[in-house]
Amino acid sequence: MNAKFRLKVTRGVFALIFLSSCSGNSNEPGTSGQIKEYAVAEIRPDSVTLYKGYPTTMQGIQTVEIRPRIAGYIEKIMVDEGAQVNRGQTLFILNDQDLRATFRSAEAQVKVAEAAVSTARINLNKTKPLVEKNIISQFDLQSSEASLESAEAQLAQARANLSNAKANLDYAVISSPTDGTIGTFPYRVGSLVSSSIVEPLTSISNTSVMYAYFSMNEKDFLALSKGLEGKNMQDKLSHMPNVGLILADNTPYGYPGKIETASGLVDEQTGAVNMRATFSNPERLLQSGSSGIVSIPQHYDSAILIPQNASYEMQGKHFVYVVGEGNKVKNTEIEVLSGDLKNTYVVTGGLKTGDQVVVEGVNSLRNDTPIKPRFVNIKDLIEIRSTGDQVKN
C-alpha cells in the first residue's frame, strides 16, 4: 500500500509540474510567456491647421420693413413672396380714388389763390400812382400791400397743400427702397392698411452680403487674438485669415468669409464675446435666418499629433502608453486640443519629441507590460481633414 501511495503522489507532482509548464506559455501581456507585438510610433512635431466651429445665425446686410405711409385698401400686389426685387420696383398699389380727389381739389385751390394774388397785385399797381398824386391816402396804399401779402400767403398755403396731396398720391404706390428678397405677405388684396398696422406689408432682405453672428468663449477669443498682429482689435481682425461656413446640411459653403467685428465687452452671464463674420452671397444661397457653423482656422507650426485610437479616456482624462526602459509601457496622461479633426488629437501636454507611443491595441495593455515594438510611421495613421479645407480662397 505504501508503494502504491508513493506512486500516486509522484504522478500528482508530475501533473502539477506539467500544468505549471503549460501556464508559462500563455500569451497574455505581463506574463512570463511570449511577449506580444504592438505597433509603436515615434513622436515628431508637425504643422497643422485646425478648424473650430461656432454656431451662427445669418442675416442679410440690410433688412427693411415695408409699411404704408397712408391709409388705404390694397388694390394690387405687383410681386410674389420670395421674389428678387430691385430698388424702385413697385411692390403694392393702394386704392387712390380719394387721394386723387384731394389732389384735384388742392390743384383748384392753388389756381384760386394764384388768381387772388394777381388781383391784389393789380390793385396795388393802380393804387401807387394815385397815392403819388395825392388822390388817395397812404392808408389805401398800405391796405393794398397787405391784401397782396395775404393773397401770396394763401397761395403758399395752397401750394403746400397741393404738395402734400401729391405726396400722399405717390404714397399709394409702394416701391422697394433697396435690392433684395421679398418676405411673406400678411395682408392681401382688399385689406385696409395704414401706417399704424402691427405687421409690415412685407420685408425686404438685401442678401448680396450676409452677416454671420456667433459667440466665442473668452478663452478661445484670447487664444485667437494673441496670435494676431495689430495695435488694436480691429487691426488684429484685419490680419486674420479667411473663415469658412458649414451649412445646415453639413456641407461647406463655397465662398470664404472674413471676421470684421468683435464686441468690446464679455457677457457677464455667459462669458462669451459676440462676433460677426461677413460672407458674399452672389448665388443667393444664403437667406436671412439661416443657421450654420462658422469654421475658424488656427495654424500650429510644431504640433504633436497622435491618432485618437492610440489613447484611452478615464474620468474625463486622456491617457496613452509610452514605451520605456526594457520595452515596458507606462500609462501617461496627456492634454489634447479640441478642434475639427477627423481621427486625430493634437497633444498640448504630456508628450515630447522622441517619445514612443503605442498606437494600436491599447485596450489590452496594462501599466509596466513588456511589449515587442513594431515601429510604424505616425503620418500614415493620422488624418486631419476639415470641411473648412474645401472652402474656396
Protein backbone atom coordinates (compact mmCIF):
# COMPACT_ATOMS: atom_id res chain seq x y z
CA MET A 1 0.00 0.00 0.00
CA ASN A 2 2.79 2.39 0.77
CA ALA A 3 4.32 1.77 -2.64
CA LYS A 4 1.01 2.45 -4.36
CA PHE A 5 0.55 5.64 -2.34
CA ARG A 6 4.04 6.87 -3.25
CA LEU A 7 3.28 6.17 -6.93
CA LYS A 8 0.10 8.26 -6.82
CA VAL A 9 1.92 11.13 -5.13
CA THR A 10 4.66 11.01 -7.72
CA ARG A 11 2.11 11.11 -10.56
CA GLY A 12 0.38 14.11 -8.93
CA VAL A 13 3.65 16.02 -8.66
CA PHE A 14 4.42 15.37 -12.32
CA ALA A 15 0.89 16.59 -13.25
CA LEU A 16 1.38 19.81 -11.32
CA ILE A 17 4.75 20.38 -12.99
CA PHE A 18 3.17 19.78 -16.41
CA LEU A 19 0.31 22.22 -15.75
CA SER A 20 2.74 24.83 -14.47
CA SER A 21 4.80 24.42 -17.62
CA CYS A 22 1.70 24.88 -19.79
CA SER A 23 0.66 28.03 -17.96
CA GLY A 24 4.11 29.52 -18.56
CA ASN A 25 3.41 29.51 -22.32
CA SER A 26 0.40 31.91 -22.01
CA ASN A 27 0.24 34.84 -24.48
CA GLU A 28 -1.36 37.23 -22.01
CA PRO A 29 0.53 40.55 -21.61
CA GLY A 30 2.53 40.81 -18.44
CA THR A 31 3.15 37.06 -18.04
CA SER A 32 6.44 35.26 -18.34
CA GLY A 33 5.36 33.72 -21.67
CA GLN A 34 5.56 35.04 -25.23
CA ILE A 35 5.72 38.87 -25.48
CA LYS A 36 3.12 40.31 -27.87
CA GLU A 37 3.96 42.69 -30.69
CA TYR A 38 2.38 46.16 -30.76
CA ALA A 39 2.56 48.97 -33.31
CA VAL A 40 4.62 51.84 -31.92
CA ALA A 41 5.21 55.31 -33.41
CA GLU A 42 7.85 57.86 -32.51
CA ILE A 43 6.53 61.35 -31.81
CA ARG A 44 7.63 64.01 -34.29
CA PRO A 45 6.20 67.58 -34.38
CA ASP A 46 4.30 68.59 -37.48
CA SER A 47 2.44 71.63 -38.76
CA VAL A 48 -1.34 71.53 -38.69
CA THR A 49 -4.31 73.83 -39.21
CA LEU A 50 -7.32 73.21 -37.00
CA TYR A 51 -10.84 74.39 -37.75
CA LYS A 52 -13.02 75.09 -34.74
CA GLY A 53 -16.72 75.63 -35.30
CA TYR A 54 -19.14 78.09 -33.72
CA PRO A 55 -22.93 78.02 -34.31
CA THR A 56 -24.16 81.05 -36.21
CA THR A 57 -27.32 82.76 -37.41
CA MET A 58 -27.24 84.52 -40.77
CA GLN A 59 -28.75 87.91 -41.56
CA GLY A 60 -28.74 89.93 -44.77
CA ILE A 61 -26.65 93.08 -44.83
CA GLN A 62 -29.88 95.07 -44.88
CA THR A 63 -33.41 94.12 -43.84
CA VAL A 64 -36.15 96.69 -44.38
CA GLU A 65 -39.76 96.54 -43.21
CA ILE A 66 -42.23 97.86 -45.78
CA ARG A 67 -45.04 99.87 -44.21
CA PRO A 68 -47.63 102.16 -45.83
CA ARG A 69 -47.43 105.88 -45.04
CA ILE A 70 -51.12 106.43 -45.69
CA ALA A 71 -54.37 104.58 -45.03
CA GLY A 72 -55.96 102.73 -47.90
CA TYR A 73 -57.13 99.43 -49.35
CA ILE A 74 -54.59 97.22 -51.13
CA GLU A 75 -55.62 97.29 -54.76
CA LYS A 76 -52.75 95.36 -56.37
CA ILE A 77 -49.76 93.28 -55.28
CA MET A 78 -47.15 93.55 -58.02
CA VAL A 79 -44.64 90.91 -56.83
CA ASP A 80 -44.72 87.47 -55.26
CA GLU A 81 -43.33 86.23 -51.97
CA GLY A 82 -39.66 85.26 -52.17
CA ALA A 83 -39.09 87.24 -55.37
CA GLN A 84 -35.90 89.16 -56.07
CA VAL A 85 -36.67 92.87 -56.48
CA ASN A 86 -34.65 95.93 -57.42
CA ARG A 87 -34.58 99.32 -55.81
CA GLY A 88 -37.50 101.45 -57.02
CA GLN A 89 -39.56 98.46 -58.21
CA THR A 90 -43.30 98.73 -57.46
CA LEU A 91 -44.48 96.31 -54.77
CA PHE A 92 -48.02 97.38 -53.77
CA ILE A 93 -50.64 99.79 -55.12
CA LEU A 94 -53.26 101.18 -52.75
CA ASN A 95 -56.66 102.45 -53.85
CA ASP A 96 -56.14 106.16 -54.61
CA GLN A 97 -59.58 107.46 -55.61
CA ASP A 98 -59.96 109.63 -52.50
CA LEU A 99 -56.37 110.76 -52.81
CA ARG A 100 -56.87 111.82 -56.42
CA ALA A 101 -59.96 113.79 -55.45
CA THR A 102 -57.98 115.53 -52.73
CA PHE A 103 -55.19 116.23 -55.20
CA ARG A 104 -57.59 117.78 -57.75
CA SER A 105 -59.14 119.92 -55.03
CA ALA A 106 -55.70 121.10 -53.97
CA GLU A 107 -54.87 121.98 -57.58
CA ALA A 108 -58.05 124.07 -57.80
CA GLN A 109 -57.21 125.87 -54.55
CA VAL A 110 -53.81 126.78 -55.98
CA LYS A 111 -55.45 128.30 -59.07
CA VAL A 112 -57.88 130.29 -56.92
CA ALA A 113 -55.02 131.55 -54.78
CA GLU A 114 -52.98 132.47 -57.86
CA ALA A 115 -55.94 134.48 -59.18
CA ALA A 116 -56.29 136.26 -55.85
CA VAL A 117 -52.60 137.20 -55.95
CA SER A 118 -52.96 138.55 -59.48
CA THR A 119 -55.97 140.66 -58.45
CA ALA A 120 -54.19 142.01 -55.37
CA ARG A 121 -51.11 142.90 -57.43
CA ILE A 122 -53.26 144.76 -59.99
CA ASN A 123 -54.99 146.74 -57.25
CA LEU A 124 -51.62 147.63 -55.74
CA ASN A 125 -50.26 148.82 -59.09
CA LYS A 126 -53.33 151.04 -59.55
CA THR A 127 -53.10 152.45 -56.05
CA LYS A 128 -49.44 153.56 -56.18
CA PRO A 129 -49.83 156.32 -58.83
CA LEU A 130 -52.98 157.66 -57.12
CA VAL A 131 -51.13 157.94 -53.84
CA GLU A 132 -48.23 159.70 -55.57
CA LYS A 133 -50.72 162.24 -56.94
CA ASN A 134 -52.34 162.55 -53.51
CA ILE A 135 -55.64 161.43 -54.95
CA ILE A 136 -55.98 158.75 -52.30
CA SER A 137 -54.38 158.45 -48.89
CA GLN A 138 -51.30 156.46 -47.80
CA PHE A 139 -53.66 154.19 -45.85
CA ASP A 140 -55.16 152.90 -49.09
CA LEU A 141 -51.68 152.02 -50.33
CA GLN A 142 -50.87 150.10 -47.15
CA SER A 143 -54.20 148.30 -47.38
CA SER A 144 -53.44 147.19 -50.96
CA GLU A 145 -49.99 145.98 -49.96
CA ALA A 146 -51.47 143.98 -47.05
CA SER A 147 -54.04 142.42 -49.38
CA LEU A 148 -51.26 141.30 -51.72
CA GLU A 149 -49.25 139.80 -48.87
CA SER A 150 -52.33 137.93 -47.62
CA ALA A 151 -53.06 136.59 -51.10
CA GLU A 152 -49.45 135.45 -51.51
CA ALA A 153 -49.60 133.70 -48.13
CA GLN A 154 -52.78 131.90 -49.13
CA LEU A 155 -51.10 130.87 -52.37
CA ALA A 156 -48.14 129.46 -50.46
CA GLN A 157 -50.54 127.51 -48.23
CA ALA A 158 -52.43 126.19 -51.25
CA ARG A 159 -49.21 125.09 -52.91
CA ALA A 160 -48.15 123.32 -49.68
CA ASN A 161 -51.50 121.51 -49.60
CA LEU A 162 -51.01 120.51 -53.22
CA SER A 163 -47.52 119.21 -52.49
CA ASN A 164 -48.87 117.20 -49.56
CA ALA A 165 -51.71 115.82 -51.69
CA LYS A 166 -49.23 114.91 -54.42
CA ALA A 167 -47.00 113.11 -51.88
CA ASN A 168 -49.98 111.18 -50.49
CA LEU A 169 -50.95 110.20 -54.00
CA ASP A 170 -47.42 108.99 -54.64
CA TYR A 171 -47.51 107.03 -51.36
CA ALA A 172 -50.32 104.95 -52.84
CA VAL A 173 -47.65 103.31 -54.97
CA ILE A 174 -45.27 101.50 -52.60
CA SER A 175 -41.83 100.80 -54.08
CA SER A 176 -38.79 98.88 -52.88
CA PRO A 177 -36.18 101.03 -51.13
CA THR A 178 -33.40 98.52 -51.85
CA ASP A 179 -32.38 95.46 -53.81
CA GLY A 180 -33.24 92.24 -52.06
CA THR A 181 -35.57 89.32 -51.47
CA ILE A 182 -39.25 89.78 -50.65
CA GLY A 183 -40.60 88.20 -47.46
CA THR A 184 -44.12 86.96 -46.73
CA PHE A 185 -47.38 88.91 -47.19
CA PRO A 186 -49.60 89.07 -44.08
CA TYR A 187 -52.08 91.29 -45.97
CA ARG A 188 -53.74 90.54 -49.29
CA VAL A 189 -55.68 92.47 -51.92
CA GLY A 190 -58.64 94.25 -50.34
CA SER A 191 -57.07 94.60 -46.90
CA LEU A 192 -57.28 98.01 -45.25
CA VAL A 193 -53.83 99.10 -44.13
CA SER A 194 -52.33 102.20 -42.59
CA SER A 195 -49.12 103.47 -41.03
CA SER A 196 -50.23 102.07 -37.65
CA ILE A 197 -50.57 98.39 -38.68
CA VAL A 198 -48.89 95.91 -36.33
CA GLU A 199 -47.21 93.80 -39.01
CA PRO A 200 -45.49 95.36 -42.00
CA LEU A 201 -46.78 94.72 -45.50
CA THR A 202 -43.64 92.66 -46.05
CA SER A 203 -39.90 92.87 -45.52
CA ILE A 204 -37.03 93.03 -47.97
CA SER A 205 -33.68 91.44 -47.19
CA ASN A 206 -30.62 92.54 -49.10
CA THR A 207 -28.71 89.25 -49.12
CA SER A 208 -25.93 90.13 -51.56
CA VAL A 209 -23.71 90.14 -48.47
CA MET A 210 -24.54 88.10 -45.37
CA TYR A 211 -23.67 88.70 -41.74
CA ALA A 212 -22.91 85.61 -39.65
CA TYR A 213 -23.37 86.35 -35.93
CA PHE A 214 -21.77 83.98 -33.43
CA SER A 215 -20.31 83.87 -29.92
CA MET A 216 -16.91 82.70 -28.74
CA ASN A 217 -15.95 81.97 -25.16
CA GLU A 218 -13.37 84.24 -23.58
CA LYS A 219 -10.64 81.59 -23.52
CA ASP A 220 -10.93 80.88 -27.24
CA PHE A 221 -11.12 84.59 -28.00
CA LEU A 222 -7.88 85.31 -26.13
CA ALA A 223 -6.11 82.40 -27.81
CA LEU A 224 -7.27 83.66 -31.21
CA SER A 225 -6.39 87.33 -30.71
CA LYS A 226 -2.97 86.81 -29.07
CA GLY A 227 -1.51 85.36 -32.24
CA LEU A 228 -2.60 88.23 -34.46
CA GLU A 229 -0.67 91.35 -35.37
CA GLY A 230 -2.13 94.79 -34.75
CA LYS A 231 -2.28 97.63 -32.26
CA ASN A 232 -5.97 97.18 -31.52
CA MET A 233 -8.65 94.55 -32.05
CA GLN A 234 -9.78 96.00 -35.39
CA ASP A 235 -6.21 95.79 -36.71
CA LYS A 236 -5.87 92.23 -35.39
CA LEU A 237 -9.08 91.13 -37.11
CA SER A 238 -7.90 92.64 -40.40
CA HIS A 239 -4.87 90.32 -40.28
CA MET A 240 -6.93 87.26 -39.54
CA PRO A 241 -7.17 84.60 -42.29
CA ASN A 242 -10.44 83.83 -44.03
CA VAL A 243 -13.02 81.73 -42.21
CA GLY A 244 -15.32 79.05 -43.58
CA LEU A 245 -19.03 78.38 -43.23
CA ILE A 246 -20.64 74.98 -42.76
CA LEU A 247 -24.27 74.98 -43.88
CA ALA A 248 -27.19 73.37 -42.09
CA ASP A 249 -26.85 70.21 -44.22
CA ASN A 250 -23.22 69.87 -43.05
CA THR A 251 -21.79 70.86 -46.43
CA PRO A 252 -19.19 73.63 -46.81
CA TYR A 253 -20.24 76.96 -48.25
CA GLY A 254 -18.33 77.74 -51.41
CA TYR A 255 -17.10 81.23 -50.55
CA PRO A 256 -14.76 82.36 -47.76
CA GLY A 257 -15.74 84.87 -45.10
CA LYS A 258 -14.00 87.48 -43.02
CA ILE A 259 -14.43 88.32 -39.33
CA GLU A 260 -15.00 92.06 -39.21
CA THR A 261 -16.19 92.92 -35.72
CA ALA A 262 -15.92 91.70 -32.14
CA SER A 263 -17.84 93.19 -29.24
CA GLY A 264 -15.76 95.17 -26.79
CA LEU A 265 -17.46 93.51 -23.81
CA VAL A 266 -17.54 89.99 -22.42
CA ASP A 267 -21.06 88.93 -21.47
CA GLU A 268 -21.05 88.63 -17.67
CA GLN A 269 -23.65 85.86 -17.67
CA THR A 270 -22.31 83.66 -20.47
CA GLY A 271 -18.64 84.71 -20.56
CA ALA A 272 -18.90 85.00 -24.35
CA VAL A 273 -17.71 87.55 -26.88
CA ASN A 274 -20.13 88.36 -29.70
CA MET A 275 -18.58 88.40 -33.17
CA ARG A 276 -19.64 88.93 -36.77
CA ALA A 277 -18.27 87.43 -39.96
CA THR A 278 -19.20 88.59 -43.45
CA PHE A 279 -19.78 86.31 -46.46
CA SER A 280 -20.51 87.26 -50.05
CA ASN A 281 -23.66 85.67 -51.42
CA PRO A 282 -23.60 86.02 -55.22
CA GLU A 283 -25.77 82.95 -55.81
CA ARG A 284 -28.30 83.94 -53.10
CA LEU A 285 -27.87 80.53 -51.49
CA LEU A 286 -27.86 82.04 -48.01
CA GLN A 287 -31.06 83.51 -46.58
CA SER A 288 -31.76 85.69 -43.57
CA GLY A 289 -32.43 83.49 -40.57
CA SER A 290 -30.35 80.59 -41.91
CA SER A 291 -28.24 78.65 -39.43
CA GLY A 292 -24.76 77.22 -39.84
CA ILE A 293 -21.32 76.94 -38.28
CA VAL A 294 -18.52 79.45 -38.70
CA SER A 295 -15.29 77.46 -39.12
CA ILE A 296 -12.25 79.37 -37.83
CA PRO A 297 -8.73 78.18 -38.73
CA GLN A 298 -5.85 78.11 -36.25
CA HIS A 299 -2.40 77.15 -37.51
CA TYR A 300 0.25 75.40 -35.38
CA ASP A 301 3.81 75.08 -36.67
CA SER A 302 5.09 72.43 -34.21
CA ALA A 303 2.17 70.32 -33.09
CA ILE A 304 2.33 66.79 -31.65
CA LEU A 305 -0.23 64.64 -33.43
CA ILE A 306 -1.44 61.16 -32.49
CA PRO A 307 -4.30 59.01 -33.78
CA GLN A 308 -7.28 59.06 -31.44
CA ASN A 309 -7.30 55.26 -31.08
CA ALA A 310 -3.79 55.48 -29.58
CA SER A 311 -5.36 56.93 -26.44
CA TYR A 312 -7.98 55.93 -23.94
CA GLU A 313 -10.16 58.04 -21.70
CA MET A 314 -10.73 57.64 -17.98
CA GLN A 315 -12.75 60.01 -15.78
CA GLY A 316 -12.64 62.74 -18.42
CA LYS A 317 -8.85 62.50 -18.86
CA HIS A 318 -6.85 61.16 -21.81
CA PHE A 319 -4.02 58.63 -21.49
CA VAL A 320 -1.53 56.91 -23.80
CA TYR A 321 1.04 54.17 -23.29
CA VAL A 322 4.64 55.32 -23.72
CA VAL A 323 7.32 52.68 -24.28
CA GLY A 324 10.01 52.95 -21.63
CA GLU A 325 13.07 51.06 -20.42
CA GLY A 326 13.03 47.38 -21.21
CA ASN A 327 10.18 47.97 -23.70
CA LYS A 328 7.75 48.20 -20.83
CA VAL A 329 4.80 50.54 -21.34
CA LYS A 330 3.89 53.34 -18.97
CA ASN A 331 0.44 54.92 -18.94
CA THR A 332 0.86 58.68 -19.37
CA GLU A 333 -1.77 61.39 -19.03
CA ILE A 334 -1.93 63.82 -21.95
CA GLU A 335 -3.73 67.06 -22.71
CA VAL A 336 -5.40 67.38 -26.08
CA LEU A 337 -6.63 70.32 -28.07
CA SER A 338 -10.19 70.21 -29.35
CA GLY A 339 -10.82 71.06 -32.96
CA ASP A 340 -12.46 69.92 -36.17
CA LEU A 341 -10.36 66.77 -36.59
CA LYS A 342 -11.29 63.52 -38.27
CA ASN A 343 -9.41 60.87 -36.25
CA THR A 344 -6.51 62.78 -34.70
CA TYR A 345 -5.66 64.52 -31.45
CA VAL A 346 -3.33 67.48 -31.12
CA VAL A 347 -1.43 66.90 -27.89
CA THR A 348 -0.63 70.04 -25.90
CA GLY A 349 0.87 68.36 -22.82
CA GLY A 350 2.23 65.04 -21.54
CA LEU A 351 4.32 64.08 -24.59
CA LYS A 352 7.55 65.33 -26.10
CA THR A 353 9.53 64.82 -29.27
CA GLY A 354 11.08 61.38 -29.42
CA ASP A 355 8.57 59.63 -27.16
CA GLN A 356 7.48 56.23 -28.43
CA VAL A 357 3.74 55.70 -28.17
CA VAL A 358 1.72 52.54 -28.65
CA VAL A 359 -0.76 53.35 -31.41
CA GLU A 360 -2.81 50.14 -31.65
CA GLY A 361 -4.42 47.73 -29.20
CA VAL A 362 -4.07 49.99 -26.16
CA ASN A 363 -7.18 48.49 -24.53
CA SER A 364 -5.35 45.19 -23.98
CA LEU A 365 -2.39 46.79 -22.21
CA ARG A 366 -1.68 47.40 -18.56
CA ASN A 367 0.95 49.52 -16.86
CA ASP A 368 4.51 48.04 -16.99
CA THR A 369 3.50 45.42 -19.56
CA PRO A 370 6.51 44.39 -21.70
CA ILE A 371 5.88 44.52 -25.43
CA LYS A 372 7.66 43.87 -28.69
CA PRO A 373 7.61 47.20 -30.59
CA ARG A 374 6.79 47.22 -34.29
CA PHE A 375 7.65 50.73 -35.42
CA VAL A 376 5.34 52.49 -37.87
CA ASN A 377 5.27 55.98 -39.37
CA ILE A 378 2.78 58.06 -37.42
CA LYS A 379 1.94 60.12 -40.51
CA ASP A 380 0.44 57.00 -42.07
CA LEU A 381 -2.02 56.74 -39.17
CA ILE A 382 -3.30 60.28 -38.72
CA GLU A 383 -5.73 62.17 -40.88
CA ILE A 384 -6.65 65.81 -40.37
CA ARG A 385 -9.39 66.84 -42.70
CA SER A 386 -11.71 69.72 -42.03
CA THR A 387 -14.63 70.84 -44.15
CA GLY A 388 -13.02 74.25 -43.96
CA ASP A 389 -10.29 72.97 -46.33
CA GLN A 390 -12.90 72.77 -49.07
CA VAL A 391 -13.68 76.48 -48.94
CA LYS A 392 -12.50 78.44 -51.98
CA ASN A 393 -9.88 81.14 -51.43
